[in-house]
Amino acid sequence: MSFLLIATVILVFIVVFQIAKASEYVSVLKGEEKTREQSNRINGFLMISFLVLGLIGVYWCNELFYHKTLLAQTSASKEGENIDLMLKITFAITGVVFLLTQILLFYFAWKYQEKEGRKAEYFPHSNTLEIIWTVVPAVFLLVLVVFGLKFWFHITGPAPKDAIEVEITGKQFNWIYRYPGADGIFGKTYYKNINDEKSNPLGQLWDDPNNQDDIVETSELHIPVGHPVKLIIHSRDVIHDVGLSAFRLKMDAVPGIPTTMWFTPQFTTQQMRERTGDPDYVYEISCDQMCGPGHFGMRGIIVVDTEADYAKWLKSQKSNYATLFPDKQPNAAGADSTKPVAAVVPATAGAKQ
């Protein structure tokens, strides 16, 4: 099929080239006036042909590839449904404008080509037209901007009180995730304490008791389905961007300036595999900001669990402090000092107690 398409395109170019050459030879014989008229007829025919073939191509591509796009899948977050609505409204408005303008553009080029006895009408200015093509687009754009600001302020505003808080930190070229543990409070960090060799990728201050139950992960981000999740986003080096395409969200990770957004997952990873028919489907975190030579490989994995599976996974995790200092007793607020801190994390981890 690919070879056939390439061959067809090449053939079309050859035909057009031959027509142009034949037209050039005819112009020598017939003179400039006749040549211009013939050239206009050829261009008019090509314009209307391109219009018809272009619209057929758009329809064909839509049939072939629409099911592979994100729009064919329901948003994996409840908040993302608003983003989908905004996209559909935008596509509807711009799609109608695109079809009308392009059809008229190519049709007029064919319909009003130069002919003997036809005289073009010319007028330099029209206040009515100026007002129409200024005011109408401005109104539609204002509506789209209002929709966008409304949804943006929603996902970047205060999260629900029971939201699970997770820190996500970008660095060249991977993501680091931190959960606050049983006390629901993140321990303090200091950038000068960052040391990958000593297993302290976030610069945690070990004299801060709140750090002793914080869980640090670099492989996967686990979150529960149907529960609000607030992401607190950082960067260790350059500007990154947390892209959650399945959830219809994205947010910059800026060095020294924490950013936040929240969402509510509505399908577990397993449910999404069943909905897409892809047994290997995973939710991905992409870096949507060019951040260096390894940018292409900066891919993270999100696992959306059931509430029970999420609680089970959380209890199985060991805090970074306990891993580094196994001989010391953890001192997390509300935790039994004789047990691993992660083992007493409640199901609503992340909510401040």
Protein backbone atom coordinates (compact mmCIF):
# COMPACT_ATOMS: atom_id res chain seq x y z
CA MET A 1 0.00 0.00 0.00
CA SER A 2 2.83 2.42 0.87
CA PHE A 3 4.62 1.64 -2.41
CA LEU A 4 1.37 2.18 -4.33
CA LEU A 5 0.79 5.58 -2.67
CA ILE A 6 4.35 6.72 -3.40
CA ALA A 7 4.07 5.57 -7.02
CA THR A 8 0.75 7.41 -7.40
CA VAL A 9 2.19 10.66 -6.05
CA ILE A 10 5.20 10.40 -8.39
CA LEU A 11 2.90 9.70 -11.34
CA VAL A 12 0.78 12.77 -10.55
CA PHE A 13 3.88 14.96 -10.45
CA ILE A 14 5.04 13.57 -13.80
CA VAL A 15 1.64 14.26 -15.39
CA VAL A 16 1.57 17.83 -14.06
CA PHE A 17 5.14 18.40 -15.28
CA GLN A 18 4.30 17.11 -18.76
CA ILE A 19 1.20 19.28 -18.93
CA ALA A 20 3.29 22.32 -17.96
CA LYS A 21 5.89 21.54 -20.61
CA ALA A 22 3.21 21.03 -23.29
CA SER A 23 1.64 24.34 -22.26
CA GLU A 24 5.00 26.04 -22.62
CA TYR A 25 5.44 24.71 -26.17
CA VAL A 26 1.90 25.74 -27.12
CA SER A 27 2.54 29.25 -25.81
CA VAL A 28 5.34 29.68 -28.28
CA LEU A 29 3.01 28.79 -31.14
CA LYS A 30 -0.17 30.60 -30.06
CA GLY A 31 1.19 33.73 -28.42
CA GLU A 32 0.99 35.18 -24.89
CA GLU A 33 -2.79 35.85 -24.71
CA LYS A 34 -3.82 32.35 -25.65
CA THR A 35 -1.13 30.91 -23.40
CA ARG A 36 -2.45 32.77 -20.34
CA GLU A 37 -6.01 31.61 -21.00
CA GLN A 38 -4.91 28.02 -21.37
CA SER A 39 -2.76 28.26 -18.24
CA ASN A 40 -5.76 29.60 -16.29
CA ARG A 41 -7.93 26.70 -17.47
CA ILE A 42 -5.30 24.19 -16.39
CA ASN A 43 -4.86 25.87 -12.99
CA GLY A 44 -8.64 26.01 -12.48
CA PHE A 45 -8.92 22.30 -13.24
CA LEU A 46 -6.06 21.49 -10.86
CA MET A 47 -7.65 23.61 -8.12
CA ILE A 48 -11.01 21.82 -8.25
CA SER A 49 -9.24 18.45 -8.54
CA PHE A 50 -7.11 19.20 -5.50
CA LEU A 51 -10.23 20.20 -3.56
CA VAL A 52 -12.05 16.95 -4.33
CA LEU A 53 -9.01 14.72 -3.80
CA GLY A 54 -8.05 16.61 -0.64
CA LEU A 55 -11.48 16.17 0.96
CA ILE A 56 -11.47 12.48 0.03
CA GLY A 57 -8.00 12.17 1.56
CA VAL A 58 -9.10 13.85 4.79
CA TYR A 59 -12.06 11.48 5.10
CA TRP A 60 -9.90 8.45 4.29
CA CYS A 61 -7.21 9.38 6.84
CA ASN A 62 -9.90 9.89 9.47
CA GLU A 63 -11.30 6.42 8.80
CA LEU A 64 -7.83 4.85 8.94
CA PHE A 65 -6.32 6.59 11.95
CA TYR A 66 -9.04 8.09 14.17
CA HIS A 67 -9.27 4.94 16.31
CA LYS A 68 -5.54 5.30 17.09
CA THR A 69 -5.92 8.82 18.47
CA LEU A 70 -6.63 9.83 22.06
CA LEU A 71 -10.02 11.21 21.08
CA ALA A 72 -11.19 7.66 20.32
CA GLN A 73 -10.51 6.77 23.98
CA THR A 74 -12.44 8.14 26.92
CA SER A 75 -10.36 10.33 29.20
CA ALA A 76 -8.80 8.29 32.00
CA SER A 77 -9.56 11.09 34.48
CA LYS A 78 -12.86 12.73 35.36
CA GLU A 79 -11.35 16.19 34.97
CA GLY A 80 -10.02 15.24 31.53
CA GLU A 81 -13.58 14.87 30.27
CA ASN A 82 -13.86 18.67 30.44
CA ILE A 83 -10.71 18.95 28.34
CA ASP A 84 -12.22 16.57 25.79
CA LEU A 85 -15.38 18.69 25.70
CA MET A 86 -13.31 21.81 25.08
CA LEU A 87 -11.39 20.04 22.28
CA LYS A 88 -14.62 18.89 20.62
CA ILE A 89 -16.04 22.42 20.73
CA THR A 90 -12.77 23.78 19.29
CA PHE A 91 -12.67 21.15 16.53
CA ALA A 92 -16.32 21.78 15.67
CA ILE A 93 -15.84 25.54 15.29
CA THR A 94 -12.49 25.43 13.50
CA GLY A 95 -13.58 22.44 11.40
CA VAL A 96 -16.62 24.25 10.01
CA VAL A 97 -14.53 27.37 9.31
CA PHE A 98 -11.82 25.27 7.65
CA LEU A 99 -14.25 23.43 5.36
CA LEU A 100 -16.10 26.59 4.34
CA THR A 101 -13.01 28.65 3.63
CA GLN A 102 -11.09 25.91 1.79
CA ILE A 103 -14.06 24.82 -0.33
CA LEU A 104 -14.80 28.43 -1.30
CA LEU A 105 -11.12 29.16 -1.92
CA PHE A 106 -10.59 26.37 -4.44
CA TYR A 107 -14.09 26.58 -5.93
CA PHE A 108 -13.75 30.31 -6.60
CA ALA A 109 -10.34 29.77 -8.22
CA TRP A 110 -12.04 27.39 -10.67
CA LYS A 111 -15.37 29.20 -11.04
CA TYR A 112 -14.02 32.71 -11.64
CA GLN A 113 -11.02 31.96 -13.81
CA GLU A 114 -10.21 34.40 -16.60
CA LYS A 115 -12.55 34.13 -19.60
CA GLU A 116 -13.14 36.26 -22.64
CA GLY A 117 -15.71 38.97 -21.92
CA ARG A 118 -15.51 38.59 -18.11
CA LYS A 119 -14.40 41.64 -16.12
CA ALA A 120 -13.34 41.45 -12.47
CA GLU A 121 -15.01 43.79 -10.00
CA TYR A 122 -12.70 45.65 -7.63
CA PHE A 123 -13.49 47.53 -4.43
CA PRO A 124 -10.81 48.75 -2.01
CA HIS A 125 -12.63 48.74 1.33
CA SER A 126 -15.77 47.54 3.16
CA ASN A 127 -16.51 48.48 6.77
CA THR A 128 -19.17 45.77 6.98
CA LEU A 129 -16.77 43.01 5.97
CA GLU A 130 -14.08 44.33 8.31
CA ILE A 131 -16.50 44.25 11.26
CA ILE A 132 -17.77 40.76 10.41
CA TRP A 133 -14.39 39.05 10.08
CA THR A 134 -13.06 40.83 13.17
CA VAL A 135 -15.97 40.56 15.60
CA VAL A 136 -17.18 37.03 14.78
CA PRO A 137 -13.76 35.31 15.27
CA ALA A 138 -13.15 37.42 18.39
CA VAL A 139 -16.41 36.22 19.96
CA PHE A 140 -15.66 32.57 19.21
CA LEU A 141 -12.10 32.88 20.50
CA LEU A 142 -13.35 34.57 23.68
CA VAL A 143 -15.69 31.63 24.32
CA LEU A 144 -12.84 29.14 23.84
CA VAL A 145 -10.52 31.13 26.13
CA VAL A 146 -13.18 31.27 28.87
CA PHE A 147 -13.69 27.50 28.63
CA GLY A 148 -9.93 26.93 28.79
CA LEU A 149 -9.39 29.20 31.80
CA LYS A 150 -12.29 27.62 33.67
CA PHE A 151 -10.90 24.08 33.28
CA TRP A 152 -7.32 25.23 33.91
CA PHE A 153 -8.18 26.98 37.17
CA HIS A 154 -10.09 23.86 38.25
CA ILE A 155 -7.21 21.38 37.89
CA THR A 156 -4.56 23.80 39.20
CA GLY A 157 -6.68 25.14 42.06
CA PRO A 158 -7.09 23.64 45.54
CA ALA A 159 -7.45 19.86 45.48
CA PRO A 160 -10.15 18.08 47.52
CA LYS A 161 -9.24 17.70 51.19
CA ASP A 162 -9.02 13.91 50.92
CA ALA A 163 -6.67 14.03 47.89
CA ILE A 164 -3.61 11.82 47.97
CA GLU A 165 -0.46 13.91 47.59
CA VAL A 166 2.48 12.64 45.58
CA GLU A 167 5.64 14.51 44.68
CA ILE A 168 7.02 13.98 41.19
CA THR A 169 10.48 15.31 40.40
CA GLY A 170 11.98 15.41 36.93
CA LYS A 171 15.66 15.13 36.21
CA GLN A 172 17.73 14.31 33.16
CA PHE A 173 16.37 11.83 32.19
CA ASN A 174 13.83 10.12 34.47
CA TRP A 175 11.17 10.77 37.12
CA ILE A 176 11.34 10.37 40.90
CA TYR A 177 8.19 9.87 43.00
CA ARG A 178 7.76 10.52 46.74
CA TYR A 179 4.87 9.59 49.05
CA PRO A 180 4.51 11.27 52.46
CA GLY A 181 4.03 8.09 54.51
CA ALA A 182 1.91 7.56 57.63
CA ASP A 183 2.13 11.10 58.98
CA GLY A 184 0.80 12.57 55.71
CA ILE A 185 3.57 15.19 55.75
CA PHE A 186 6.51 15.46 53.37
CA GLY A 187 9.88 15.84 55.02
CA LYS A 188 12.10 18.81 54.21
CA THR A 189 14.58 18.69 51.35
CA TYR A 190 17.60 20.80 50.43
CA TYR A 191 19.10 20.80 46.96
CA LYS A 192 22.69 20.73 48.25
CA ASN A 193 21.94 17.39 49.92
CA ILE A 194 21.05 15.71 46.62
CA ASN A 195 23.38 12.74 46.19
CA ASP A 196 22.49 9.84 43.91
CA GLU A 197 25.48 7.80 45.06
CA LYS A 198 24.20 7.92 48.63
CA SER A 199 20.60 7.09 47.54
CA ASN A 200 19.33 10.56 48.33
CA PRO A 201 18.05 11.76 44.92
CA LEU A 202 15.78 14.42 46.43
CA GLY A 203 18.12 15.88 49.07
CA GLN A 204 16.07 14.73 52.07
CA LEU A 205 17.16 16.12 55.45
CA TRP A 206 17.53 13.09 57.69
CA ASP A 207 17.30 15.11 60.91
CA ASP A 208 13.70 15.97 59.99
CA PRO A 209 11.44 13.30 61.57
CA ASN A 210 8.87 13.76 58.80
CA ASN A 211 11.39 12.33 56.33
CA GLN A 212 11.70 9.03 58.15
CA ASP A 213 8.54 7.51 56.66
CA ASP A 214 8.64 9.12 53.19
CA ILE A 215 8.63 6.55 50.38
CA VAL A 216 10.80 7.28 47.34
CA GLU A 217 10.18 5.42 44.07
CA THR A 218 11.87 5.65 40.68
CA SER A 219 10.22 2.79 38.79
CA GLU A 220 6.45 3.33 38.84
CA LEU A 221 3.92 5.81 40.18
CA HIS A 222 1.04 3.99 41.89
CA ILE A 223 -2.28 5.75 42.48
CA PRO A 224 -5.78 4.47 43.40
CA VAL A 225 -8.76 4.63 41.07
CA GLY A 226 -11.68 6.94 41.95
CA HIS A 227 -9.61 8.95 44.45
CA PRO A 228 -8.35 12.53 43.87
CA VAL A 229 -4.59 12.68 43.39
CA LYS A 230 -2.59 15.89 43.79
CA LEU A 231 0.79 16.01 42.06
CA ILE A 232 3.40 18.37 43.50
CA ILE A 233 5.88 18.82 40.66
CA HIS A 234 9.57 19.72 40.91
CA SER A 235 12.67 19.69 38.71
CA ARG A 236 16.24 18.95 39.73
CA ASP A 237 17.98 20.55 36.78
CA VAL A 238 16.25 22.01 33.69
CA ILE A 239 12.63 22.67 32.75
CA HIS A 240 10.71 19.43 32.19
CA ASP A 241 7.00 18.89 31.61
CA VAL A 242 4.78 16.22 33.15
CA GLY A 243 2.62 15.03 30.26
CA LEU A 244 -0.30 12.76 31.14
CA SER A 245 -1.93 12.34 27.74
CA ALA A 246 -4.33 9.59 28.80
CA PHE A 247 -5.57 11.84 31.62
CA ARG A 248 -5.58 14.94 29.33
CA LEU A 249 -3.25 16.87 31.65
CA LYS A 250 0.19 18.44 31.55
CA MET A 251 2.22 20.75 33.75
CA ASP A 252 5.72 22.24 33.62
CA ALA A 253 8.35 21.10 36.10
CA VAL A 254 10.39 24.23 36.83
CA PRO A 255 13.62 24.28 38.90
CA GLY A 256 13.01 26.03 42.22
CA ILE A 257 9.29 26.67 41.58
CA PRO A 258 6.92 23.86 42.64
CA THR A 259 3.82 23.50 40.45
CA THR A 260 0.70 21.48 41.18
CA MET A 261 -2.27 19.86 39.49
CA TRP A 262 -4.81 17.30 40.57
CA PHE A 263 -7.07 14.74 38.91
CA THR A 264 -9.25 11.74 39.67
CA PRO A 265 -8.44 8.50 37.81
CA GLN A 266 -11.58 6.68 36.69
CA PHE A 267 -10.16 3.48 35.17
CA THR A 268 -7.59 1.09 36.59
CA THR A 269 -4.73 -0.02 34.36
CA GLN A 270 -6.42 -3.39 33.94
CA GLN A 271 -9.74 -1.78 32.97
CA MET A 272 -7.95 0.38 30.40
CA ARG A 273 -6.34 -2.71 28.89
CA GLU A 274 -9.77 -4.23 28.47
CA ARG A 275 -11.25 -1.04 27.02
CA THR A 276 -8.45 -0.62 24.47
CA GLY A 277 -8.05 -4.32 23.70
CA ASP A 278 -4.31 -3.94 24.36
CA PRO A 279 -3.02 -6.39 27.01
CA ASP A 280 0.23 -4.40 27.30
CA TYR A 281 -1.39 -0.97 27.74
CA VAL A 282 0.19 1.27 30.38
CA TYR A 283 -0.42 4.84 31.46
CA GLU A 284 2.62 6.89 30.55
CA ILE A 285 4.28 10.03 31.83
CA SER A 286 6.05 11.81 29.01
CA CYS A 287 8.32 14.81 29.21
CA ASP A 288 6.61 17.35 26.95
CA GLN A 289 9.46 19.86 27.10
CA MET A 290 12.73 19.40 25.20
CA CYS A 291 15.19 18.87 28.05
CA GLY A 292 18.38 17.54 26.52
CA PRO A 293 19.87 14.71 24.41
CA GLY A 294 18.07 11.99 26.38
CA HIS A 295 14.67 13.69 26.24
CA PHE A 296 13.20 11.01 23.97
CA GLY A 297 13.68 8.32 26.62
CA MET A 298 12.24 10.23 29.59
CA ARG A 299 9.25 7.96 30.06
CA GLY A 300 7.49 7.14 33.29
CA ILE A 301 4.84 4.55 34.12
CA ILE A 302 1.66 5.13 36.12
CA VAL A 303 -0.14 2.15 37.61
CA VAL A 304 -3.75 2.85 38.56
CA ASP A 305 -4.79 0.29 41.17
CA THR A 306 -8.00 -0.51 42.96
CA GLU A 307 -8.18 0.98 46.46
CA ALA A 308 -7.36 -2.42 47.98
CA ASP A 309 -4.41 -3.08 45.65
CA TYR A 310 -3.08 0.43 46.22
CA ALA A 311 -3.21 0.01 50.02
CA LYS A 312 -1.50 -3.37 49.69
CA TRP A 313 1.23 -1.93 47.47
CA LEU A 314 1.77 1.03 49.79
CA LYS A 315 2.17 -1.22 52.82
CA SER A 316 4.75 -3.29 50.97
CA GLN A 317 7.00 -0.26 50.41
CA LYS A 318 9.90 0.65 52.63
CA SER A 319 10.79 4.24 53.40
CA ASN A 320 14.03 5.60 52.03
CA TYR A 321 15.19 6.34 55.56
CA ALA A 322 14.57 2.76 56.70
CA THR A 323 16.49 1.46 53.69
CA LEU A 324 19.51 3.67 54.34
CA PHE A 325 19.50 3.36 58.14
CA PRO A 326 18.10 -0.09 58.96
CA ASP A 327 19.64 0.02 62.44
CA LYS A 328 17.66 3.13 63.42
CA GLN A 329 14.08 3.17 64.67
CA PRO A 330 11.68 5.16 62.41
CA ASN A 331 9.94 7.94 64.24
CA ALA A 332 6.92 8.72 62.02
CA ALA A 333 3.96 10.45 63.65
CA GLY A 334 1.37 7.89 64.64
CA ALA A 335 3.57 4.91 63.67
CA ASP A 336 4.50 1.95 65.84
CA SER A 337 8.29 2.23 66.28
CA THR A 338 8.64 -1.57 66.29
CA LYS A 339 7.18 -1.95 62.76
CA PRO A 340 8.27 -0.74 59.33
CA VAL A 341 6.69 2.66 58.74
CA ALA A 342 5.10 1.71 55.42
CA ALA A 343 3.22 -1.14 57.07
CA VAL A 344 0.97 1.25 58.99
CA VAL A 345 0.13 3.64 56.16
CA PRO A 346 -3.68 4.08 56.04
CA ALA A 347 -5.69 3.60 52.84
CA THR A 348 -6.07 7.37 52.53
CA ALA A 349 -2.34 8.00 52.48
CA GLY A 350 -1.40 11.53 51.64
CA ALA A 351 -4.26 13.17 53.58
CA LYS A 352 -2.89 15.25 56.43
CA GLN A 353 -3.87 13.97 59.84
